[in-house]
Structures are given as structure tokens and as C-alpha cells.
Amino acid sequence: MARVLRANMTTLKTDDALSVLVGDAEAVIRKGLVTGPFDIIFADPPYARRGGPDWPGRIMACLADAGVVAQDGVLVMEQGAEEDVPSDARWRLIDDRKYGDARLRFFVPDAGQQVAGAP
């Protein structure tokens, strides 16, 4: 996914305005290696078989706690098609799309909940 994103950035001449970070999101955020807020965050697998069944909830909590998603930003989470919808009161599911064995779920910060770093 990162390679495609970088190629699209080059095509659109947005290399200077956008960045793609690759790594364990939870570790990168908890170590303070990134600051936000970001407009879009893509959370790609490890799926349940490698990250444990609670990885989506951990990522959502980590992102909300760190305040790295803009108040009007979007979290796009890829999961296995049969994985449950993760739950965190600070996020609201706005779209859910299934593609074969994969599923993309789109979340936004819930305006009624406090997210770290939000005004």
C-alpha cells in the first residue's frame, strides 16, 4: 500500500505536502515519533492472526489517546472480512466495505467525545 501511495503522491506532485510512514503504528505513536494531527490514517493488517484479536481496538485507543487524528480526519482500517467491528466510544463508524477476504472500515472521531489534542 505504501508503494502505491508514494507513486500517487509523485503523480499528483504532492510529495512535499504529504508523508507516508511505515511501521508498527502503535509503537511509532507511543514513542512520540509522529505528531499530528493527520487528516487520513490508514491502518493496514496484521489482522487477528498476527496482531491478536484486539489489535483494532488497541490502535483506535492509541490514536485517540495521542491525538494524532484531526478532529475532521478519517481512520481507514483494513481488517479481515470476518473480523468484528472494533469498538471505542471516541470513534464513529461511517462506512464499511467488503472486498473479498478483506474489509475496509472508515471511522471519524466522535464529536461528542474528547480526543487528546483536540481543542
Protein backbone atom coordinates (compact mmCIF):
# COMPACT_ATOMS: atom_id res chain seq x y z
CA MET A 1 0.00 0.00 0.00
CA ALA A 2 2.81 2.43 0.85
CA ARG A 3 4.40 2.00 -2.58
CA VAL A 4 1.08 2.82 -4.31
CA LEU A 5 0.53 5.86 -2.07
CA ARG A 6 4.02 7.19 -2.80
CA ALA A 7 3.55 6.67 -6.55
CA ASN A 8 0.26 8.54 -6.42
CA MET A 9 1.88 11.37 -4.47
CA THR A 10 4.54 11.70 -7.17
CA THR A 11 1.94 11.64 -9.95
CA LEU A 12 -0.10 14.31 -8.18
CA LYS A 13 3.03 16.33 -7.31
CA THR A 14 2.13 16.31 -3.60
CA ASP A 15 5.39 14.81 -2.29
CA ASP A 16 6.17 17.96 -0.29
CA ALA A 17 2.72 18.21 1.31
CA LEU A 18 2.15 14.55 2.25
CA SER A 19 4.06 11.84 4.03
CA VAL A 20 3.80 8.07 4.27
CA LEU A 21 5.04 6.37 7.42
CA VAL A 22 5.52 2.62 7.51
CA GLY A 23 5.90 0.72 10.74
CA ASP A 24 4.10 -0.64 13.75
CA ALA A 25 1.61 2.19 14.30
CA GLU A 26 1.20 1.53 17.99
CA ALA A 27 4.96 1.58 18.64
CA VAL A 28 5.61 4.63 16.44
CA ILE A 29 2.86 6.65 18.10
CA ARG A 30 3.63 5.63 21.68
CA LYS A 31 7.31 6.52 21.17
CA GLY A 32 6.25 10.01 20.03
CA LEU A 33 7.91 9.62 16.63
CA VAL A 34 4.98 11.31 14.89
CA THR A 35 2.95 14.35 15.67
CA GLY A 36 -0.36 15.27 14.20
CA PRO A 37 -2.92 15.96 13.59
CA PHE A 38 -3.25 13.93 10.39
CA ASP A 39 -6.23 14.12 8.04
CA ILE A 40 -6.10 10.46 6.99
CA ILE A 41 -4.56 7.47 8.71
CA PHE A 42 -4.51 4.03 7.07
CA ALA A 43 -4.21 1.12 9.50
CA ASP A 44 -3.22 -1.93 7.48
CA PRO A 45 -3.16 -5.51 8.80
CA PRO A 46 -1.60 -7.60 10.79
CA TYR A 47 -5.15 -8.93 11.01
CA ALA A 48 -6.19 -11.02 14.02
CA ARG A 49 -3.83 -13.88 13.25
CA ARG A 50 -0.70 -11.79 13.91
CA GLY A 51 -1.78 -8.80 15.96
CA GLY A 52 -4.17 -10.60 18.25
CA PRO A 53 -7.93 -10.20 18.08
CA ASP A 54 -7.80 -6.88 19.91
CA TRP A 55 -5.35 -5.07 17.59
CA PRO A 56 -8.02 -2.81 16.02
CA GLY A 57 -9.20 -1.61 19.42
CA ARG A 58 -5.61 -1.04 20.58
CA ILE A 59 -4.85 1.05 17.50
CA MET A 60 -8.03 3.11 17.89
CA ALA A 61 -7.26 3.78 21.56
CA CYS A 62 -3.64 4.64 20.79
CA LEU A 63 -4.63 7.11 18.06
CA ALA A 64 -7.28 8.77 20.22
CA ASP A 65 -5.01 8.95 23.28
CA ALA A 66 -2.19 10.55 21.26
CA GLY A 67 -4.48 12.98 19.43
CA VAL A 68 -2.83 12.34 16.07
CA VAL A 69 -6.06 12.29 14.02
CA ALA A 70 -7.52 15.67 13.10
CA GLN A 71 -10.97 16.34 14.52
CA ASP A 72 -12.34 16.15 10.95
CA GLY A 73 -9.89 13.38 9.98
CA VAL A 74 -10.57 9.80 8.94
CA LEU A 75 -9.15 6.49 10.12
CA VAL A 76 -9.26 3.83 7.40
CA MET A 77 -8.78 0.40 8.93
CA GLU A 78 -8.24 -2.73 6.86
CA GLN A 79 -9.36 -5.94 8.54
CA GLY A 80 -10.15 -9.49 7.59
CA ALA A 81 -13.65 -9.72 6.10
CA GLU A 82 -14.94 -11.75 9.05
CA GLU A 83 -13.38 -9.66 11.84
CA ASP A 84 -15.71 -7.85 14.21
CA VAL A 85 -16.15 -4.09 14.12
CA PRO A 86 -13.81 -2.65 16.74
CA SER A 87 -15.35 -0.52 19.44
CA ASP A 88 -14.08 2.66 21.07
CA ALA A 89 -16.54 5.35 22.18
CA ARG A 90 -14.24 8.04 20.78
CA TRP A 91 -14.78 6.79 17.21
CA ARG A 92 -17.81 6.56 14.95
CA LEU A 93 -18.03 4.07 12.04
CA ILE A 94 -19.12 5.91 8.88
CA ASP A 95 -18.55 3.29 6.17
CA ASP A 96 -17.86 -0.45 5.93
CA ARG A 97 -16.84 -2.08 2.63
CA LYS A 98 -16.04 -5.72 1.95
CA TYR A 99 -13.60 -6.71 -0.81
CA GLY A 100 -13.18 -10.49 -0.99
CA ASP A 101 -11.29 -11.60 2.13
CA ALA A 102 -10.65 -8.00 3.25
CA ARG A 103 -12.79 -5.26 4.70
CA LEU A 104 -12.19 -1.50 4.85
CA ARG A 105 -13.80 0.35 7.73
CA PHE A 106 -13.87 4.13 7.89
CA PHE A 107 -14.02 5.87 11.27
CA VAL A 108 -14.14 9.51 12.33
CA PRO A 109 -13.54 10.95 15.78
CA ASP A 110 -16.87 11.15 17.59
CA ALA A 111 -17.62 14.86 18.05
CA GLY A 112 -19.24 14.14 21.42
CA GLN A 113 -16.11 12.53 22.86
CA GLN A 114 -12.88 14.17 23.97
CA VAL A 115 -9.87 13.17 21.91
CA ALA A 116 -6.42 14.11 23.22
CA GLY A 117 -5.03 17.15 21.48
CA ALA A 118 -8.44 18.35 20.29
CA PRO A 119 -9.42 21.93 21.08
